[in-house]
Amino acid sequence: MTAPDGQAAWELLSEHSVDLVVTDVDMPRMDGISLVEAIRSSTSLRELPVILVTARENQGDRQRGLDAGADAYIVKSSFRQEELLDAIGALT
């Protein structure tokens, strides 16, 4: 499933069962960090693996994503498909 923004993703998660979330940080209505925080605050979704894939490269942004509860943080500028697949394999 895909969603155009974090709010739509959150709504989909309340309606459908998924095994993993891959999300960007920069999105309208609800950013990826807020989406991760919402997932981690939910009793039914808190164990759902979440991978952030983002253009934000600085260590502060990475730490903020991980502190919010993301299981992995992948930077788009150094994106390698194998890295994403390895993260998915490790989390599922």
PDB file of N, CA and C in Angstrom:
ATOM      1  N   MET A   1       0.842  -1.176   0.000  1.00  0.00           N
ATOM      2  CA  MET A   1       0.000   0.000   0.000  1.00  0.00           C
ATOM      3  C   MET A   1       0.885   1.236   0.000  1.00  0.00           C
ATOM      4  N   THR A   2       0.378   2.288  -0.558  1.00  0.00           N
ATOM      5  CA  THR A   2       1.089   3.560  -0.533  1.00  0.00           C
ATOM      6  C   THR A   2       0.147   4.638  -0.011  1.00  0.00           C
ATOM      7  N   ALA A   3       0.756   5.697   0.515  1.00  0.00           N
ATOM      8  CA  ALA A   3      -0.016   6.826   1.023  1.00  0.00           C
ATOM      9  C   ALA A   3       0.691   8.111   0.603  1.00  0.00           C
ATOM     10  N   PRO A   4      -0.071   9.162   0.292  1.00  0.00           N
ATOM     11  CA  PRO A   4       0.546  10.407  -0.169  1.00  0.00           C
ATOM     12  C   PRO A   4       1.197  11.232   0.948  1.00  0.00           C
ATOM     13  N   ASP A   5       0.853  10.928   2.195  1.00  0.00           N
ATOM     14  CA  ASP A   5       1.418  11.680   3.315  1.00  0.00           C
ATOM     15  C   ASP A   5       1.268  10.870   4.602  1.00  0.00           C
ATOM     16  N   GLY A   6       1.841  11.391   5.676  1.00  0.00           N
ATOM     17  CA  GLY A   6       1.828  10.670   6.939  1.00  0.00           C
ATOM     18  C   GLY A   6       0.443  10.464   7.522  1.00  0.00           C
ATOM     19  N   GLN A   7      -0.408  11.454   7.394  1.00  0.00           N
ATOM     20  CA  GLN A   7      -1.766  11.327   7.929  1.00  0.00           C
ATOM     21  C   GLN A   7      -2.524  10.217   7.215  1.00  0.00           C
ATOM     22  N   ALA A   8      -2.404  10.174   5.895  1.00  0.00           N
ATOM     23  CA  ALA A   8      -3.063   9.114   5.125  1.00  0.00           C
ATOM     24  C   ALA A   8      -2.482   7.746   5.489  1.00  0.00           C
ATOM     25  N   ALA A   9      -1.168   7.695   5.718  1.00  0.00           N
ATOM     26  CA  ALA A   9      -0.543   6.430   6.145  1.00  0.00           C
ATOM     27  C   ALA A   9      -1.101   5.988   7.487  1.00  0.00           C
ATOM     28  N   TRP A  10      -1.221   6.915   8.417  1.00  0.00           N
ATOM     29  CA  TRP A  10      -1.761   6.603   9.741  1.00  0.00           C
ATOM     30  C   TRP A  10      -3.185   6.062   9.613  1.00  0.00           C
ATOM     31  N   GLU A  11      -3.987   6.676   8.750  1.00  0.00           N
ATOM     32  CA  GLU A  11      -5.361   6.209   8.539  1.00  0.00           C
ATOM     33  C   GLU A  11      -5.373   4.804   7.930  1.00  0.00           C
ATOM     34  N   LEU A  12      -4.479   4.543   6.975  1.00  0.00           N
ATOM     35  CA  LEU A  12      -4.396   3.193   6.396  1.00  0.00           C
ATOM     36  C   LEU A  12      -4.012   2.163   7.456  1.00  0.00           C
ATOM     37  N   LEU A  13      -3.096   2.540   8.333  1.00  0.00           N
ATOM     38  CA  LEU A  13      -2.661   1.611   9.380  1.00  0.00           C
ATOM     39  C   LEU A  13      -3.792   1.259  10.341  1.00  0.00           C
ATOM     40  N   SER A  14      -4.754   2.161  10.498  1.00  0.00           N
ATOM     41  CA  SER A  14      -5.881   1.865  11.380  1.00  0.00           C
ATOM     42  C   SER A  14      -6.900   0.948  10.705  1.00  0.00           C
ATOM     43  N   GLU A  15      -6.804   0.829   9.379  1.00  0.00           N
ATOM     44  CA  GLU A  15      -7.773   0.037   8.622  1.00  0.00           C
ATOM     45  C   GLU A  15      -7.220  -1.283   8.087  1.00  0.00           C
ATOM     46  N   HIS A  16      -5.881  -1.374   7.968  1.00  0.00           N
ATOM     47  CA  HIS A  16      -5.271  -2.539   7.323  1.00  0.00           C
ATOM     48  C   HIS A  16      -4.104  -3.051   8.156  1.00  0.00           C
ATOM     49  N   SER A  17      -3.885  -4.332   8.078  1.00  0.00           N
ATOM     50  CA  SER A  17      -2.739  -4.949   8.734  1.00  0.00           C
ATOM     51  C   SER A  17      -1.556  -4.949   7.767  1.00  0.00           C
ATOM     52  N   VAL A  18      -0.409  -4.506   8.241  1.00  0.00           N
ATOM     53  CA  VAL A  18       0.803  -4.509   7.426  1.00  0.00           C
ATOM     54  C   VAL A  18       1.938  -5.127   8.232  1.00  0.00           C
ATOM     55  N   ASP A  19       2.968  -5.544   7.542  1.00  0.00           N
ATOM     56  CA  ASP A  19       4.115  -6.169   8.202  1.00  0.00           C
ATOM     57  C   ASP A  19       5.244  -5.201   8.466  1.00  0.00           C
ATOM     58  N   LEU A  20       5.263  -4.052   7.769  1.00  0.00           N
ATOM     59  CA  LEU A  20       6.392  -3.132   7.818  1.00  0.00           C
ATOM     60  C   LEU A  20       5.966  -1.792   7.237  1.00  0.00           C
ATOM     61  N   VAL A  21       6.546  -0.707   7.748  1.00  0.00           N
ATOM     62  CA  VAL A  21       6.315   0.622   7.189  1.00  0.00           C
ATOM     63  C   VAL A  21       7.650   1.184   6.728  1.00  0.00           C
ATOM     64  N   VAL A  22       7.686   1.663   5.484  1.00  0.00           N
ATOM     65  CA  VAL A  22       8.826   2.407   4.955  1.00  0.00           C
ATOM     66  C   VAL A  22       8.288   3.795   4.654  1.00  0.00           C
ATOM     67  N   THR A  23       8.869   4.820   5.299  1.00  0.00           N
ATOM     68  CA  THR A  23       8.342   6.162   5.158  1.00  0.00           C
ATOM     69  C   THR A  23       9.446   7.192   5.023  1.00  0.00           C
ATOM     70  N   ASP A  24       9.113   8.284   4.379  1.00  0.00           N
ATOM     71  CA  ASP A  24       9.999   9.439   4.298  1.00  0.00           C
ATOM     72  C   ASP A  24       9.819  10.253   5.577  1.00  0.00           C
ATOM     73  N   VAL A  25      10.745  11.142   5.842  1.00  0.00           N
ATOM     74  CA  VAL A  25      10.596  12.060   6.980  1.00  0.00           C
ATOM     75  C   VAL A  25       9.773  13.262   6.559  1.00  0.00           C
ATOM     76  N   ASP A  26      10.084  13.843   5.416  1.00  0.00           N
ATOM     77  CA  ASP A  26       9.426  15.075   4.968  1.00  0.00           C
ATOM     78  C   ASP A  26       8.170  14.766   4.178  1.00  0.00           C
ATOM     79  N   MET A  27       7.023  14.958   4.835  1.00  0.00           N
ATOM     80  CA  MET A  27       5.727  14.738   4.201  1.00  0.00           C
ATOM     81  C   MET A  27       4.751  15.778   4.727  1.00  0.00           C
ATOM     82  N   PRO A  28       3.737  16.115   3.931  1.00  0.00           N
ATOM     83  CA  PRO A  28       2.711  17.044   4.412  1.00  0.00           C
ATOM     84  C   PRO A  28       1.800  16.394   5.448  1.00  0.00           C
ATOM     85  N   ARG A  29       1.070  17.212   6.135  1.00  0.00           N
ATOM     86  CA  ARG A  29       0.057  16.855   7.142  1.00  0.00           C
ATOM     87  C   ARG A  29       0.619  16.149   8.359  1.00  0.00           C
ATOM     88  N   MET A  30       1.404  15.110   8.201  1.00  0.00           N
ATOM     89  CA  MET A  30       2.058  14.432   9.316  1.00  0.00           C
ATOM     90  C   MET A  30       3.402  13.955   8.783  1.00  0.00           C
ATOM     91  N   ASP A  31       4.485  14.436   9.377  1.00  0.00           N
ATOM     92  CA  ASP A  31       5.797  14.006   8.880  1.00  0.00           C
ATOM     93  C   ASP A  31       6.125  12.593   9.365  1.00  0.00           C
ATOM     94  N   GLY A  32       7.205  12.038   8.846  1.00  0.00           N
ATOM     95  CA  GLY A  32       7.570  10.669   9.170  1.00  0.00           C
ATOM     96  C   GLY A  32       7.915  10.454  10.625  1.00  0.00           C
ATOM     97  N   ILE A  33       8.529  11.450  11.257  1.00  0.00           N
ATOM     98  CA  ILE A  33       8.856  11.342  12.683  1.00  0.00           C
ATOM     99  C   ILE A  33       7.574  11.247  13.493  1.00  0.00           C
ATOM    100  N   SER A  34       6.609  12.093  13.177  1.00  0.00           N
ATOM    101  CA  SER A  34       5.324  12.054  13.883  1.00  0.00           C
ATOM    102  C   SER A  34       4.597  10.739  13.630  1.00  0.00           C
ATOM    103  N   LEU A  35       4.727  10.206  12.425  1.00  0.00           N
ATOM    104  CA  LEU A  35       4.119   8.916  12.121  1.00  0.00           C
ATOM    105  C   LEU A  35       4.756   7.816  12.964  1.00  0.00           C
ATOM    106  N   VAL A  36       6.073   7.825  13.061  1.00  0.00           N
ATOM    107  CA  VAL A  36       6.759   6.832  13.900  1.00  0.00           C
ATOM    108  C   VAL A  36       6.308   6.961  15.348  1.00  0.00           C
ATOM    109  N   GLU A  37       6.231   8.187  15.850  1.00  0.00           N
ATOM    110  CA  GLU A  37       5.801   8.406  17.232  1.00  0.00           C
ATOM    111  C   GLU A  37       4.382   7.901  17.450  1.00  0.00           C
ATOM    112  N   ALA A  38       3.500   8.129  16.477  1.00  0.00           N
ATOM    113  CA  ALA A  38       2.122   7.645  16.594  1.00  0.00           C
ATOM    114  C   ALA A  38       2.084   6.116  16.613  1.00  0.00           C
ATOM    115  N   ILE A  39       2.879   5.507  15.757  1.00  0.00           N
ATOM    116  CA  ILE A  39       2.938   4.041  15.723  1.00  0.00           C
ATOM    117  C   ILE A  39       3.440   3.500  17.059  1.00  0.00           C
ATOM    118  N   ARG A  40       4.494   4.080  17.590  1.00  0.00           N
ATOM    119  CA  ARG A  40       5.070   3.615  18.859  1.00  0.00           C
ATOM    120  C   ARG A  40       4.142   3.875  20.044  1.00  0.00           C
ATOM    121  N   SER A  41       3.238   4.849  19.920  1.00  0.00           N
ATOM    122  CA  SER A  41       2.286   5.154  20.994  1.00  0.00           C
ATOM    123  C   SER A  41       1.050   4.267  20.947  1.00  0.00           C
ATOM    124  N   SER A  42       0.867   3.573  19.852  1.00  0.00           N
ATOM    125  CA  SER A  42      -0.308   2.729  19.663  1.00  0.00           C
ATOM    126  C   SER A  42      -0.084   1.351  20.281  1.00  0.00           C
ATOM    127  N   THR A  43      -1.020   0.901  21.080  1.00  0.00           N
ATOM    128  CA  THR A  43      -0.869  -0.431  21.686  1.00  0.00           C
ATOM    129  C   THR A  43      -0.911  -1.538  20.639  1.00  0.00           C
ATOM    130  N   SER A  44      -1.660  -1.355  19.579  1.00  0.00           N
ATOM    131  CA  SER A  44      -1.775  -2.411  18.577  1.00  0.00           C
ATOM    132  C   SER A  44      -0.663  -2.369  17.521  1.00  0.00           C
ATOM    133  N   LEU A  45       0.007  -1.234  17.379  1.00  0.00           N
ATOM    134  CA  LEU A  45       1.013  -1.099  16.325  1.00  0.00           C
ATOM    135  C   LEU A  45       2.430  -0.913  16.841  1.00  0.00           C
ATOM    136  N   ARG A  46       2.621  -0.785  18.134  1.00  0.00           N
ATOM    137  CA  ARG A  46       3.928  -0.378  18.670  1.00  0.00           C
ATOM    138  C   ARG A  46       5.084  -1.277  18.277  1.00  0.00           C
ATOM    139  N   GLU A  47       4.826  -2.538  17.939  1.00  0.00           N
ATOM    140  CA  GLU A  47       5.890  -3.470  17.542  1.00  0.00           C
ATOM    141  C   GLU A  47       6.117  -3.495  16.030  1.00  0.00           C
ATOM    142  N   LEU A  48       5.336  -2.725  15.279  1.00  0.00           N
ATOM    143  CA  LEU A  48       5.449  -2.692  13.824  1.00  0.00           C
ATOM    144  C   LEU A  48       6.800  -2.110  13.409  1.00  0.00           C
ATOM    145  N   PRO A  49       7.586  -2.829  12.615  1.00  0.00           N
ATOM    146  CA  PRO A  49       8.871  -2.289  12.165  1.00  0.00           C
ATOM    147  C   PRO A  49       8.679  -1.070  11.259  1.00  0.00           C
ATOM    148  N   VAL A  50       9.519  -0.048  11.465  1.00  0.00           N
ATOM    149  CA  VAL A  50       9.447   1.180  10.676  1.00  0.00           C
ATOM    150  C   VAL A  50      10.844   1.542  10.192  1.00  0.00           C
ATOM    151  N   ILE A  51      10.957   1.789   8.887  1.00  0.00           N
ATOM    152  CA  ILE A  51      12.207   2.240   8.285  1.00  0.00           C
ATOM    153  C   ILE A  51      11.988   3.635   7.736  1.00  0.00           C
ATOM    154  N   LEU A  52      12.833   4.578   8.141  1.00  0.00           N
ATOM    155  CA  LEU A  52      12.809   5.922   7.581  1.00  0.00           C
ATOM    156  C   LEU A  52      13.794   5.975   6.420  1.00  0.00           C
ATOM    157  N   VAL A  53      13.345   6.442   5.268  1.00  0.00           N
ATOM    158  CA  VAL A  53      14.203   6.675   4.105  1.00  0.00           C
ATOM    159  C   VAL A  53      14.072   8.155   3.799  1.00  0.00           C
ATOM    160  N   THR A  54      15.175   8.904   3.895  1.00  0.00           N
ATOM    161  CA  THR A  54      15.089  10.352   3.861  1.00  0.00           C
ATOM    162  C   THR A  54      16.305  11.006   3.224  1.00  0.00           C
ATOM    163  N   ALA A  55      16.121  12.249   2.805  1.00  0.00           N
ATOM    164  CA  ALA A  55      17.233  13.047   2.287  1.00  0.00           C
ATOM    165  C   ALA A  55      18.014  13.695   3.425  1.00  0.00           C
ATOM    166  N   ARG A  56      17.472  13.673   4.609  1.00  0.00           N
ATOM    167  CA  ARG A  56      18.129  14.322   5.754  1.00  0.00           C
ATOM    168  C   ARG A  56      19.339  13.499   6.209  1.00  0.00           C
ATOM    169  N   GLU A  57      20.517  14.074   5.995  1.00  0.00           N
ATOM    170  CA  GLU A  57      21.758  13.342   6.243  1.00  0.00           C
ATOM    171  C   GLU A  57      22.412  13.623   7.581  1.00  0.00           C
ATOM    172  N   ASN A  58      22.062  14.716   8.239  1.00  0.00           N
ATOM    173  CA  ASN A  58      22.863  15.063   9.418  1.00  0.00           C
ATOM    174  C   ASN A  58      22.565  14.148  10.604  1.00  0.00           C
ATOM    175  N   GLN A  59      23.549  14.024  11.453  1.00  0.00           N
ATOM    176  CA  GLN A  59      23.471  13.088  12.581  1.00  0.00           C
ATOM    177  C   GLN A  59      22.317  13.425  13.524  1.00  0.00           C
ATOM    178  N   GLY A  60      22.019  14.723  13.689  1.00  0.00           N
ATOM    179  CA  GLY A  60      20.908  15.120  14.550  1.00  0.00           C
ATOM    180  C   GLY A  60      19.577  14.597  14.047  1.00  0.00           C
ATOM    181  N   ASP A  61      19.361  14.682  12.731  1.00  0.00           N
ATOM    182  CA  ASP A  61      18.125  14.152  12.143  1.00  0.00           C
ATOM    183  C   ASP A  61      18.058  12.638  12.298  1.00  0.00           C
ATOM    184  N   ARG A  62      19.186  11.976  12.065  1.00  0.00           N
ATOM    185  CA  ARG A  62      19.231  10.519  12.227  1.00  0.00           C
ATOM    186  C   ARG A  62      18.871  10.137  13.665  1.00  0.00           C
ATOM    187  N   GLN A  63      19.478  10.831  14.618  1.00  0.00           N
ATOM    188  CA  GLN A  63      19.227  10.523  16.023  1.00  0.00           C
ATOM    189  C   GLN A  63      17.770  10.789  16.393  1.00  0.00           C
ATOM    190  N   ARG A  64      17.208  11.872  15.861  1.00  0.00           N
ATOM    191  CA  ARG A  64      15.797  12.189  16.121  1.00  0.00           C
ATOM    192  C   ARG A  64      14.883  11.072  15.608  1.00  0.00           C
ATOM    193  N   GLY A  65      15.181  10.547  14.430  1.00  0.00           N
ATOM    194  CA  GLY A  65      14.386   9.452  13.875  1.00  0.00           C
ATOM    195  C   GLY A  65      14.488   8.185  14.701  1.00  0.00           C
ATOM    196  N   LEU A  66      15.701   7.859  15.101  1.00  0.00           N
ATOM    197  CA  LEU A  66      15.897   6.658  15.914  1.00  0.00           C
ATOM    198  C   LEU A  66      15.304   6.826  17.306  1.00  0.00           C
ATOM    199  N   ASP A  67      15.441   8.024  17.876  1.00  0.00           N
ATOM    200  CA  ASP A  67      14.850   8.298  19.190  1.00  0.00           C
ATOM    201  C   ASP A  67      13.322   8.209  19.143  1.00  0.00           C
ATOM    202  N   ALA A  68      12.728   8.560  18.005  1.00  0.00           N
ATOM    203  CA  ALA A  68      11.267   8.466  17.851  1.00  0.00           C
ATOM    204  C   ALA A  68      10.812   7.014  17.817  1.00  0.00           C
ATOM    205  N   GLY A  69      11.755   6.111  17.484  1.00  0.00           N
ATOM    206  CA  GLY A  69      11.411   4.699  17.472  1.00  0.00           C
ATOM    207  C   GLY A  69      11.605   4.001  16.145  1.00  0.00           C
ATOM    208  N   ALA A  70      12.171   4.688  15.148  1.00  0.00           N
ATOM    209  CA  ALA A  70      12.427   4.027  13.865  1.00  0.00           C
ATOM    210  C   ALA A  70      13.420   2.893  14.074  1.00  0.00           C
ATOM    211  N   ASP A  71      13.217   1.816  13.361  1.00  0.00           N
ATOM    212  CA  ASP A  71      14.104   0.661  13.453  1.00  0.00           C
ATOM    213  C   ASP A  71      15.330   0.808  12.560  1.00  0.00           C
ATOM    214  N   ALA A  72      15.215   1.620  11.516  1.00  0.00           N
ATOM    215  CA  ALA A  72      16.333   1.875  10.614  1.00  0.00           C
ATOM    216  C   ALA A  72      16.162   3.267  10.017  1.00  0.00           C
ATOM    217  N   TYR A  73      17.294   3.869   9.639  1.00  0.00           N
ATOM    218  CA  TYR A  73      17.317   5.207   9.059  1.00  0.00           C
ATOM    219  C   TYR A  73      18.249   5.146   7.856  1.00  0.00           C
ATOM    220  N   ILE A  74      17.682   5.274   6.659  1.00  0.00           N
ATOM    221  CA  ILE A  74      18.457   5.165   5.430  1.00  0.00           C
ATOM    222  C   ILE A  74      18.432   6.510   4.711  1.00  0.00           C
ATOM    223  N   VAL A  75      19.611   7.000   4.364  1.00  0.00           N
ATOM    224  CA  VAL A  75      19.741   8.294   3.685  1.00  0.00           C
ATOM    225  C   VAL A  75      19.675   8.077   2.176  1.00  0.00           C
ATOM    226  N   LYS A  76      18.835   8.872   1.512  1.00  0.00           N
ATOM    227  CA  LYS A  76      18.617   8.700   0.070  1.00  0.00           C
ATOM    228  C   LYS A  76      19.877   8.935  -0.753  1.00  0.00           C
ATOM    229  N   SER A  77      20.726   9.872  -0.359  1.00  0.00           N
ATOM    230  CA  SER A  77      21.903  10.181  -1.176  1.00  0.00           C
ATOM    231  C   SER A  77      22.875   9.006  -1.245  1.00  0.00           C
ATOM    232  N   SER A  78      22.852   8.155  -0.237  1.00  0.00           N
ATOM    233  CA  SER A  78      23.722   6.981  -0.250  1.00  0.00           C
ATOM    234  C   SER A  78      22.894   5.700  -0.383  1.00  0.00           C
ATOM    235  N   PHE A  79      21.670   5.862  -0.903  1.00  0.00           N
ATOM    236  CA  PHE A  79      20.735   4.744  -0.993  1.00  0.00           C
ATOM    237  C   PHE A  79      21.276   3.636  -1.884  1.00  0.00           C
ATOM    238  N   ARG A  80      21.216   2.451  -1.340  1.00  0.00           N
ATOM    239  CA  ARG A  80      21.507   1.236  -2.088  1.00  0.00           C
ATOM    240  C   ARG A  80      20.346   0.290  -1.829  1.00  0.00           C
ATOM    241  N   GLN A  81      19.791  -0.258  -2.864  1.00  0.00           N
ATOM    242  CA  GLN A  81      18.644  -1.157  -2.714  1.00  0.00           C
ATOM    243  C   GLN A  81      18.960  -2.293  -1.751  1.00  0.00           C
ATOM    244  N   GLU A  82      20.202  -2.781  -1.790  1.00  0.00           N
ATOM    245  CA  GLU A  82      20.589  -3.879  -0.910  1.00  0.00           C
ATOM    246  C   GLU A  82      20.466  -3.474   0.560  1.00  0.00           C
ATOM    247  N   GLU A  83      20.777  -2.211   0.865  1.00  0.00           N
ATOM    248  CA  GLU A  83      20.675  -1.747   2.247  1.00  0.00           C
ATOM    249  C   GLU A  83      19.230  -1.800   2.726  1.00  0.00           C
ATOM    250  N   LEU A  84      18.311  -1.354   1.884  1.00  0.00           N
ATOM    251  CA  LEU A  84      16.896  -1.414   2.238  1.00  0.00           C
ATOM    252  C   LEU A  84      16.443  -2.866   2.378  1.00  0.00           C
ATOM    253  N   LEU A  85      16.814  -3.704   1.449  1.00  0.00           N
ATOM    254  CA  LEU A  85      16.418  -5.116   1.517  1.00  0.00           C
ATOM    255  C   LEU A  85      17.007  -5.804   2.729  1.00  0.00           C
ATOM    256  N   ASP A  86      18.258  -5.460   3.072  1.00  0.00           N
ATOM    257  CA  ASP A  86      18.870  -6.027   4.290  1.00  0.00           C
ATOM    258  C   ASP A  86      18.113  -5.588   5.537  1.00  0.00           C
ATOM    259  N   ALA A  87      17.716  -4.305   5.595  1.00  0.00           N
ATOM    260  CA  ALA A  87      16.971  -3.790   6.750  1.00  0.00           C
ATOM    261  C   ALA A  87      15.614  -4.494   6.846  1.00  0.00           C
ATOM    262  N   ILE A  88      14.945  -4.650   5.720  1.00  0.00           N
ATOM    263  CA  ILE A  88      13.653  -5.340   5.710  1.00  0.00           C
ATOM    264  C   ILE A  88      13.823  -6.783   6.182  1.00  0.00           C
ATOM    265  N   GLY A  89      14.834  -7.461   5.663  1.00  0.00           N
ATOM    266  CA  GLY A  89      15.076  -8.843   6.067  1.00  0.00           C
ATOM    267  C   GLY A  89      15.360  -8.973   7.543  1.00  0.00           C
ATOM    268  N   ALA A  90      16.079  -8.028   8.102  1.00  0.00           N
ATOM    269  CA  ALA A  90      16.413  -8.076   9.522  1.00  0.00           C
ATOM    270  C   ALA A  90      15.205  -7.797  10.404  1.00  0.00           C
ATOM    271  N   LEU A  91      14.236  -7.078   9.888  1.00  0.00           N
ATOM    272  CA  LEU A  91      13.086  -6.668  10.700  1.00  0.00           C
ATOM    273  C   LEU A  91      11.863  -7.550  10.531  1.00  0.00           C
ATOM    274  N   THR A  92      11.845  -8.395   9.536  1.00  0.00           N
ATOM    275  CA  THR A  92      10.655  -9.226   9.319  1.00  0.00           C
ATOM    276  C   THR A  92      10.961 -10.692   9.511  1.00  0.00           C
TER     277      THR A  92
END
